[in-house]
Amino acid sequence: MRLDAKGLGLACGILWGAALLLVSLGGMMWPGYGTAFLEFAQSIYPGYHGPGGIGPAIVVTLYGLVDGFIGGVVLAWLYNRFARGPAPA
């Protein structure tokens, strides 16, 4: 069975982007919510400076969409590469 790289990439991108968006919005509504997670996101995504309004939430969501898509495509490629089994003799 082969994985569809585009499909897995889109699924991972949407899931990761949504997670970042929800935690970012939660951090705006409830100060202190997801602080460690958002500091982690701040350390890996240039241009994102933590919860501070809707602008940073959109920035981290877009980063998450792209990052998740690339990660999903790479995961599907690796899976397809190793799932082929040994070369026929």
PDB file of N, CA and C in Angstrom:
ATOM      1  N   MET A   1       0.833  -1.176   0.000  1.00  0.00           N
ATOM      2  CA  MET A   1       0.000   0.000   0.000  1.00  0.00           C
ATOM      3  C   MET A   1       0.883   1.247   0.000  1.00  0.00           C
ATOM      4  N   ARG A   2       0.557   2.186  -0.823  1.00  0.00           N
ATOM      5  CA  ARG A   2       1.301   3.442  -0.894  1.00  0.00           C
ATOM      6  C   ARG A   2       0.480   4.557  -0.273  1.00  0.00           C
ATOM      7  N   LEU A   3       1.171   5.487   0.343  1.00  0.00           N
ATOM      8  CA  LEU A   3       0.515   6.666   0.901  1.00  0.00           C
ATOM      9  C   LEU A   3       0.516   7.782  -0.129  1.00  0.00           C
ATOM     10  N   ASP A   4      -0.571   8.533  -0.175  1.00  0.00           N
ATOM     11  CA  ASP A   4      -0.653   9.702  -1.037  1.00  0.00           C
ATOM     12  C   ASP A   4       0.061  10.853  -0.328  1.00  0.00           C
ATOM     13  N   ALA A   5       1.192  11.264  -0.870  1.00  0.00           N
ATOM     14  CA  ALA A   5       2.014  12.280  -0.210  1.00  0.00           C
ATOM     15  C   ALA A   5       1.278  13.607  -0.077  1.00  0.00           C
ATOM     16  N   LYS A   6       0.559  14.008  -1.108  1.00  0.00           N
ATOM     17  CA  LYS A   6      -0.163  15.282  -1.060  1.00  0.00           C
ATOM     18  C   LYS A   6      -1.286  15.225  -0.011  1.00  0.00           C
ATOM     19  N   GLY A   7      -1.996  14.116   0.024  1.00  0.00           N
ATOM     20  CA  GLY A   7      -3.078  13.974   0.988  1.00  0.00           C
ATOM     21  C   GLY A   7      -2.587  13.969   2.425  1.00  0.00           C
ATOM     22  N   LEU A   8      -1.521  13.216   2.685  1.00  0.00           N
ATOM     23  CA  LEU A   8      -0.967  13.186   4.038  1.00  0.00           C
ATOM     24  C   LEU A   8      -0.383  14.544   4.401  1.00  0.00           C
ATOM     25  N   GLY A   9       0.263  15.205   3.436  1.00  0.00           N
ATOM     26  CA  GLY A   9       0.810  16.532   3.689  1.00  0.00           C
ATOM     27  C   GLY A   9      -0.271  17.534   4.057  1.00  0.00           C
ATOM     28  N   LEU A  10      -1.382  17.499   3.328  1.00  0.00           N
ATOM     29  CA  LEU A  10      -2.487  18.417   3.634  1.00  0.00           C
ATOM     30  C   LEU A  10      -3.094  18.107   4.997  1.00  0.00           C
ATOM     31  N   ALA A  11      -3.277  16.831   5.296  1.00  0.00           N
ATOM     32  CA  ALA A  11      -3.846  16.455   6.590  1.00  0.00           C
ATOM     33  C   ALA A  11      -2.942  16.903   7.737  1.00  0.00           C
ATOM     34  N   CYS A  12      -1.643  16.652   7.618  1.00  0.00           N
ATOM     35  CA  CYS A  12      -0.703  17.053   8.671  1.00  0.00           C
ATOM     36  C   CYS A  12      -0.625  18.574   8.789  1.00  0.00           C
ATOM     37  N   GLY A  13      -0.623  19.271   7.658  1.00  0.00           N
ATOM     38  CA  GLY A  13      -0.557  20.728   7.684  1.00  0.00           C
ATOM     39  C   GLY A  13      -1.771  21.346   8.350  1.00  0.00           C
ATOM     40  N   ILE A  14      -2.946  20.848   8.009  1.00  0.00           N
ATOM     41  CA  ILE A  14      -4.169  21.377   8.616  1.00  0.00           C
ATOM     42  C   ILE A  14      -4.207  21.064  10.106  1.00  0.00           C
ATOM     43  N   LEU A  15      -3.832  19.859  10.479  1.00  0.00           N
ATOM     44  CA  LEU A  15      -3.848  19.473  11.890  1.00  0.00           C
ATOM     45  C   LEU A  15      -2.860  20.307  12.712  1.00  0.00           C
ATOM     46  N   TRP A  16      -1.626  20.461  12.230  1.00  0.00           N
ATOM     47  CA  TRP A  16      -0.618  21.219  12.968  1.00  0.00           C
ATOM     48  C   TRP A  16      -0.961  22.708  12.993  1.00  0.00           C
ATOM     49  N   GLY A  17      -1.434  23.241  11.871  1.00  0.00           N
ATOM     50  CA  GLY A  17      -1.833  24.646  11.841  1.00  0.00           C
ATOM     51  C   GLY A  17      -2.995  24.927  12.783  1.00  0.00           C
ATOM     52  N   ALA A  18      -3.974  24.017  12.813  1.00  0.00           N
ATOM     53  CA  ALA A  18      -5.123  24.192  13.701  1.00  0.00           C
ATOM     54  C   ALA A  18      -4.704  24.106  15.165  1.00  0.00           C
ATOM     55  N   ALA A  19      -3.790  23.196  15.477  1.00  0.00           N
ATOM     56  CA  ALA A  19      -3.314  23.089  16.857  1.00  0.00           C
ATOM     57  C   ALA A  19      -2.631  24.377  17.299  1.00  0.00           C
ATOM     58  N   LEU A  20      -1.777  24.907  16.445  1.00  0.00           N
ATOM     59  CA  LEU A  20      -1.092  26.160  16.785  1.00  0.00           C
ATOM     60  C   LEU A  20      -2.081  27.311  16.912  1.00  0.00           C
ATOM     61  N   LEU A  21      -3.067  27.360  16.028  1.00  0.00           N
ATOM     62  CA  LEU A  21      -4.070  28.430  16.091  1.00  0.00           C
ATOM     63  C   LEU A  21      -4.877  28.340  17.381  1.00  0.00           C
ATOM     64  N   LEU A  22      -5.346  27.139  17.716  1.00  0.00           N
ATOM     65  CA  LEU A  22      -6.172  26.995  18.914  1.00  0.00           C
ATOM     66  C   LEU A  22      -5.401  27.320  20.185  1.00  0.00           C
ATOM     67  N   VAL A  23      -4.168  26.883  20.278  1.00  0.00           N
ATOM     68  CA  VAL A  23      -3.378  27.195  21.474  1.00  0.00           C
ATOM     69  C   VAL A  23      -3.064  28.690  21.525  1.00  0.00           C
ATOM     70  N   SER A  24      -2.792  29.284  20.376  1.00  0.00           N
ATOM     71  CA  SER A  24      -2.510  30.716  20.337  1.00  0.00           C
ATOM     72  C   SER A  24      -3.739  31.527  20.754  1.00  0.00           C
ATOM     73  N   LEU A  25      -4.904  31.153  20.247  1.00  0.00           N
ATOM     74  CA  LEU A  25      -6.132  31.851  20.640  1.00  0.00           C
ATOM     75  C   LEU A  25      -6.442  31.611  22.117  1.00  0.00           C
ATOM     76  N   GLY A  26      -6.193  30.381  22.589  1.00  0.00           N
ATOM     77  CA  GLY A  26      -6.387  30.087  24.010  1.00  0.00           C
ATOM     78  C   GLY A  26      -5.469  30.920  24.883  1.00  0.00           C
ATOM     79  N   GLY A  27      -4.236  31.130  24.422  1.00  0.00           N
ATOM     80  CA  GLY A  27      -3.291  31.961  25.166  1.00  0.00           C
ATOM     81  C   GLY A  27      -3.720  33.416  25.236  1.00  0.00           C
ATOM     82  N   MET A  28      -4.442  33.864  24.198  1.00  0.00           N
ATOM     83  CA  MET A  28      -4.952  35.244  24.232  1.00  0.00           C
ATOM     84  C   MET A  28      -6.130  35.368  25.187  1.00  0.00           C
ATOM     85  N   MET A  29      -6.973  34.334  25.251  1.00  0.00           N
ATOM     86  CA  MET A  29      -8.164  34.393  26.107  1.00  0.00           C
ATOM     87  C   MET A  29      -7.839  34.140  27.572  1.00  0.00           C
ATOM     88  N   TRP A  30      -6.948  33.178  27.817  1.00  0.00           N
ATOM     89  CA  TRP A  30      -6.573  32.806  29.179  1.00  0.00           C
ATOM     90  C   TRP A  30      -5.072  32.962  29.333  1.00  0.00           C
ATOM     91  N   PRO A  31      -4.622  34.079  29.892  1.00  0.00           N
ATOM     92  CA  PRO A  31      -3.188  34.299  30.040  1.00  0.00           C
ATOM     93  C   PRO A  31      -2.516  33.132  30.771  1.00  0.00           C
ATOM     94  N   GLY A  32      -1.417  32.685  30.212  1.00  0.00           N
ATOM     95  CA  GLY A  32      -0.686  31.575  30.792  1.00  0.00           C
ATOM     96  C   GLY A  32      -1.005  30.240  30.145  1.00  0.00           C
ATOM     97  N   TYR A  33      -2.101  30.184  29.363  1.00  0.00           N
ATOM     98  CA  TYR A  33      -2.478  28.931  28.712  1.00  0.00           C
ATOM     99  C   TYR A  33      -1.503  28.613  27.573  1.00  0.00           C
ATOM    100  N   GLY A  34      -0.933  27.445  27.607  1.00  0.00           N
ATOM    101  CA  GLY A  34      -0.051  26.992  26.532  1.00  0.00           C
ATOM    102  C   GLY A  34       1.246  27.760  26.414  1.00  0.00           C
ATOM    103  N   THR A  35       1.679  28.371  27.497  1.00  0.00           N
ATOM    104  CA  THR A  35       2.859  29.230  27.455  1.00  0.00           C
ATOM    105  C   THR A  35       4.100  28.478  26.971  1.00  0.00           C
ATOM    106  N   ALA A  36       4.351  27.299  27.526  1.00  0.00           N
ATOM    107  CA  ALA A  36       5.540  26.532  27.131  1.00  0.00           C
ATOM    108  C   ALA A  36       5.458  26.122  25.660  1.00  0.00           C
ATOM    109  N   PHE A  37       4.274  25.729  25.210  1.00  0.00           N
ATOM    110  CA  PHE A  37       4.079  25.326  23.825  1.00  0.00           C
ATOM    111  C   PHE A  37       4.312  26.503  22.883  1.00  0.00           C
ATOM    112  N   LEU A  38       3.793  27.668  23.250  1.00  0.00           N
ATOM    113  CA  LEU A  38       3.960  28.853  22.411  1.00  0.00           C
ATOM    114  C   LEU A  38       5.394  29.369  22.437  1.00  0.00           C
ATOM    115  N   GLU A  39       6.094  29.192  23.554  1.00  0.00           N
ATOM    116  CA  GLU A  39       7.516  29.552  23.601  1.00  0.00           C
ATOM    117  C   GLU A  39       8.317  28.630  22.691  1.00  0.00           C
ATOM    118  N   PHE A  40       7.933  27.362  22.639  1.00  0.00           N
ATOM    119  CA  PHE A  40       8.562  26.417  21.711  1.00  0.00           C
ATOM    120  C   PHE A  40       8.332  26.870  20.269  1.00  0.00           C
ATOM    121  N   ALA A  41       7.094  27.229  19.940  1.00  0.00           N
ATOM    122  CA  ALA A  41       6.783  27.700  18.587  1.00  0.00           C
ATOM    123  C   ALA A  41       7.558  28.977  18.275  1.00  0.00           C
ATOM    124  N   GLN A  42       7.691  29.836  19.254  1.00  0.00           N
ATOM    125  CA  GLN A  42       8.432  31.088  19.086  1.00  0.00           C
ATOM    126  C   GLN A  42       9.900  30.817  18.796  1.00  0.00           C
ATOM    127  N   SER A  43      10.435  29.738  19.371  1.00  0.00           N
ATOM    128  CA  SER A  43      11.849  29.446  19.184  1.00  0.00           C
ATOM    129  C   SER A  43      12.158  28.838  17.820  1.00  0.00           C
ATOM    130  N   ILE A  44      11.166  28.268  17.141  1.00  0.00           N
ATOM    131  CA  ILE A  44      11.450  27.634  15.846  1.00  0.00           C
ATOM    132  C   ILE A  44      10.883  28.383  14.647  1.00  0.00           C
ATOM    133  N   TYR A  45       9.934  29.279  14.852  1.00  0.00           N
ATOM    134  CA  TYR A  45       9.336  30.008  13.738  1.00  0.00           C
ATOM    135  C   TYR A  45       9.755  31.479  13.783  1.00  0.00           C
ATOM    136  N   PRO A  46      10.633  31.906  12.877  1.00  0.00           N
ATOM    137  CA  PRO A  46      11.047  33.317  12.880  1.00  0.00           C
ATOM    138  C   PRO A  46       9.861  34.221  12.524  1.00  0.00           C
ATOM    139  N   GLY A  47       9.765  35.318  13.194  1.00  0.00           N
ATOM    140  CA  GLY A  47       8.681  36.253  12.943  1.00  0.00           C
ATOM    141  C   GLY A  47       7.508  36.075  13.878  1.00  0.00           C
ATOM    142  N   TYR A  48       7.458  34.966  14.614  1.00  0.00           N
ATOM    143  CA  TYR A  48       6.392  34.756  15.586  1.00  0.00           C
ATOM    144  C   TYR A  48       6.938  35.131  16.957  1.00  0.00           C
ATOM    145  N   HIS A  49       6.241  36.036  17.622  1.00  0.00           N
ATOM    146  CA  HIS A  49       6.730  36.547  18.907  1.00  0.00           C
ATOM    147  C   HIS A  49       5.747  36.303  20.037  1.00  0.00           C
ATOM    148  N   GLY A  50       5.085  35.180  20.010  1.00  0.00           N
ATOM    149  CA  GLY A  50       4.194  34.804  21.093  1.00  0.00           C
ATOM    150  C   GLY A  50       2.813  35.411  20.959  1.00  0.00           C
ATOM    151  N   PRO A  51       1.918  35.001  21.842  1.00  0.00           N
ATOM    152  CA  PRO A  51       0.538  35.494  21.770  1.00  0.00           C
ATOM    153  C   PRO A  51       0.486  36.981  22.069  1.00  0.00           C
ATOM    154  N   GLY A  52      -0.145  37.712  21.212  1.00  0.00           N
ATOM    155  CA  GLY A  52      -0.217  39.151  21.408  1.00  0.00           C
ATOM    156  C   GLY A  52      -1.304  39.761  20.563  1.00  0.00           C
ATOM    157  N   GLY A  53      -2.101  38.960  19.946  1.00  0.00           N
ATOM    158  CA  GLY A  53      -3.168  39.460  19.102  1.00  0.00           C
ATOM    159  C   GLY A  53      -3.443  38.491  17.968  1.00  0.00           C
ATOM    160  N   ILE A  54      -4.306  38.903  17.091  1.00  0.00           N
ATOM    161  CA  ILE A  54      -4.704  38.032  15.992  1.00  0.00           C
ATOM    162  C   ILE A  54      -3.602  37.916  14.935  1.00  0.00           C
ATOM    163  N   GLY A  55      -2.793  38.958  14.773  1.00  0.00           N
ATOM    164  CA  GLY A  55      -1.696  38.925  13.793  1.00  0.00           C
ATOM    165  C   GLY A  55      -0.703  37.806  14.064  1.00  0.00           C
ATOM    166  N   PRO A  56      -0.148  37.732  15.269  1.00  0.00           N
ATOM    167  CA  PRO A  56       0.760  36.625  15.573  1.00  0.00           C
ATOM    168  C   PRO A  56       0.089  35.258  15.482  1.00  0.00           C
ATOM    169  N   ALA A  57      -1.191  35.175  15.806  1.00  0.00           N
ATOM    170  CA  ALA A  57      -1.903  33.896  15.700  1.00  0.00           C
ATOM    171  C   ALA A  57      -1.976  33.450  14.242  1.00  0.00           C
ATOM    172  N   ILE A  58      -2.196  34.391  13.342  1.00  0.00           N
ATOM    173  CA  ILE A  58      -2.244  34.057  11.916  1.00  0.00           C
ATOM    174  C   ILE A  58      -0.862  33.662  11.416  1.00  0.00           C
ATOM    175  N   VAL A  59       0.161  34.375  11.865  1.00  0.00           N
ATOM    176  CA  VAL A  59       1.533  34.060  11.449  1.00  0.00           C
ATOM    177  C   VAL A  59       1.911  32.639  11.855  1.00  0.00           C
ATOM    178  N   VAL A  60       1.656  32.271  13.117  1.00  0.00           N
ATOM    179  CA  VAL A  60       2.037  30.939  13.572  1.00  0.00           C
ATOM    180  C   VAL A  60       1.169  29.869  12.909  1.00  0.00           C
ATOM    181  N   THR A  61      -0.063  30.183  12.584  1.00  0.00           N
ATOM    182  CA  THR A  61      -0.923  29.230  11.878  1.00  0.00           C
ATOM    183  C   THR A  61      -0.391  28.962  10.479  1.00  0.00           C
ATOM    184  N   LEU A  62       0.009  30.000   9.775  1.00  0.00           N
ATOM    185  CA  LEU A  62       0.561  29.822   8.432  1.00  0.00           C
ATOM    186  C   LEU A  62       1.865  29.032   8.477  1.00  0.00           C
ATOM    187  N   TYR A  63       2.708  29.327   9.453  1.00  0.00           N
ATOM    188  CA  TYR A  63       3.923  28.537   9.631  1.00  0.00           C
ATOM    189  C   TYR A  63       3.572  27.069   9.867  1.00  0.00           C
ATOM    190  N   GLY A  64       2.576  26.831  10.701  1.00  0.00           N
ATOM    191  CA  GLY A  64       2.172  25.464  11.003  1.00  0.00           C
ATOM    192  C   GLY A  64       1.624  24.733   9.793  1.00  0.00           C
ATOM    193  N   LEU A  65       0.853  25.429   8.973  1.00  0.00           N
ATOM    194  CA  LEU A  65       0.319  24.814   7.756  1.00  0.00           C
ATOM    195  C   LEU A  65       1.437  24.363   6.828  1.00  0.00           C
ATOM    196  N   VAL A  66       2.402  25.247   6.600  1.00  0.00           N
ATOM    197  CA  VAL A  66       3.517  24.924   5.707  1.00  0.00           C
ATOM    198  C   VAL A  66       4.409  23.848   6.319  1.00  0.00           C
ATOM    199  N   ASP A  67       4.744  24.007   7.582  1.00  0.00           N
ATOM    200  CA  ASP A  67       5.616  23.062   8.269  1.00  0.00           C
ATOM    201  C   ASP A  67       4.979  21.666   8.326  1.00  0.00           C
ATOM    202  N   GLY A  68       3.715  21.602   8.670  1.00  0.00           N
ATOM    203  CA  GLY A  68       3.013  20.330   8.732  1.00  0.00           C
ATOM    204  C   GLY A  68       2.888  19.673   7.378  1.00  0.00           C
ATOM    205  N   PHE A  69       2.639  20.477   6.335  1.00  0.00           N
ATOM    206  CA  PHE A  69       2.545  19.932   4.981  1.00  0.00           C
ATOM    207  C   PHE A  69       3.870  19.296   4.568  1.00  0.00           C
ATOM    208  N   ILE A  70       4.954  20.013   4.780  1.00  0.00           N
ATOM    209  CA  ILE A  70       6.273  19.485   4.408  1.00  0.00           C
ATOM    210  C   ILE A  70       6.581  18.221   5.210  1.00  0.00           C
ATOM    211  N   GLY A  71       6.300  18.244   6.492  1.00  0.00           N
ATOM    212  CA  GLY A  71       6.531  17.060   7.321  1.00  0.00           C
ATOM    213  C   GLY A  71       5.708  15.869   6.863  1.00  0.00           C
ATOM    214  N   GLY A  72       4.466  16.080   6.497  1.00  0.00           N
ATOM    215  CA  GLY A  72       3.609  15.001   6.014  1.00  0.00           C
ATOM    216  C   GLY A  72       4.075  14.425   4.698  1.00  0.00           C
ATOM    217  N   VAL A  73       4.521  15.291   3.788  1.00  0.00           N
ATOM    218  CA  VAL A  73       5.026  14.822   2.497  1.00  0.00           C
ATOM    219  C   VAL A  73       6.297  13.997   2.696  1.00  0.00           C
ATOM    220  N   VAL A  74       7.182  14.471   3.553  1.00  0.00           N
ATOM    221  CA  VAL A  74       8.417  13.735   3.819  1.00  0.00           C
ATOM    222  C   VAL A  74       8.101  12.390   4.478  1.00  0.00           C
ATOM    223  N   LEU A  75       7.158  12.373   5.420  1.00  0.00           N
ATOM    224  CA  LEU A  75       6.765  11.128   6.072  1.00  0.00           C
ATOM    225  C   LEU A  75       6.195  10.132   5.057  1.00  0.00           C
ATOM    226  N   ALA A  76       5.316  10.591   4.165  1.00  0.00           N
ATOM    227  CA  ALA A  76       4.744   9.705   3.143  1.00  0.00           C
ATOM    228  C   ALA A  76       5.826   9.201   2.197  1.00  0.00           C
ATOM    229  N   TRP A  77       6.753  10.064   1.816  1.00  0.00           N
ATOM    230  CA  TRP A  77       7.836   9.644   0.922  1.00  0.00           C
ATOM    231  C   TRP A  77       8.693   8.570   1.581  1.00  0.00           C
ATOM    232  N   LEU A  78       9.052   8.794   2.839  1.00  0.00           N
ATOM    233  CA  LEU A  78       9.849   7.798   3.557  1.00  0.00           C
ATOM    234  C   LEU A  78       9.094   6.476   3.698  1.00  0.00           C
ATOM    235  N   TYR A  79       7.824   6.551   4.051  1.00  0.00           N
ATOM    236  CA  TYR A  79       7.029   5.339   4.191  1.00  0.00           C
ATOM    237  C   TYR A  79       6.977   4.575   2.865  1.00  0.00           C
ATOM    238  N   ASN A  80       6.671   5.281   1.786  1.00  0.00           N
ATOM    239  CA  ASN A  80       6.586   4.639   0.485  1.00  0.00           C
ATOM    240  C   ASN A  80       7.938   4.036   0.071  1.00  0.00           C
ATOM    241  N   ARG A  81       8.988   4.710   0.424  1.00  0.00           N
ATOM    242  CA  ARG A  81      10.343   4.239   0.072  1.00  0.00           C
ATOM    243  C   ARG A  81      10.683   2.938   0.802  1.00  0.00           C
ATOM    244  N   PHE A  82      10.359   2.867   2.101  1.00  0.00           N
ATOM    245  CA  PHE A  82      10.719   1.694   2.887  1.00  0.00           C
ATOM    246  C   PHE A  82       9.686   0.571   2.829  1.00  0.00           C
ATOM    247  N   ALA A  83       8.453   0.881   2.447  1.00  0.00           N
ATOM    248  CA  ALA A  83       7.397  -0.129   2.409  1.00  0.00           C
ATOM    249  C   ALA A  83       7.429  -0.963   1.138  1.00  0.00           C
ATOM    250  N   ARG A  84       8.277  -0.614   0.187  1.00  0.00           N
ATOM    251  CA  ARG A  84       8.354  -1.369  -1.053  1.00  0.00           C
ATOM    252  C   ARG A  84       8.861  -2.778  -0.840  1.00  0.00           C
ATOM    253  N   GLY A  85       9.644  -2.963   0.193  1.00  0.00           N
ATOM    254  CA  GLY A  85      10.218  -4.273   0.459  1.00  0.00           C
ATOM    255  C   GLY A  85      11.510  -4.469  -0.324  1.00  0.00           C
ATOM    256  N   PRO A  86      12.083  -5.629  -0.210  1.00  0.00           N
ATOM    257  CA  PRO A  86      13.347  -5.883  -0.898  1.00  0.00           C
ATOM    258  C   PRO A  86      13.167  -5.974  -2.408  1.00  0.00           C
ATOM    259  N   ALA A  87      14.211  -5.635  -3.128  1.00  0.00           N
ATOM    260  CA  ALA A  87      14.175  -5.695  -4.594  1.00  0.00           C
ATOM    261  C   ALA A  87      14.081  -7.161  -5.029  1.00  0.00           C
ATOM    262  N   PRO A  88      13.300  -7.444  -6.086  1.00  0.00           N
ATOM    263  CA  PRO A  88      13.196  -8.829  -6.560  1.00  0.00           C
ATOM    264  C   PRO A  88      14.538  -9.353  -7.054  1.00  0.00           C
ATOM    265  N   ALA A  89      14.762 -10.615  -6.781  1.00  0.00           N
ATOM    266  CA  ALA A  89      16.043 -11.248  -7.163  1.00  0.00           C
ATOM    267  C   ALA A  89      16.065 -11.627  -8.631  1.00  0.00           C
TER     268      ALA A  89
END
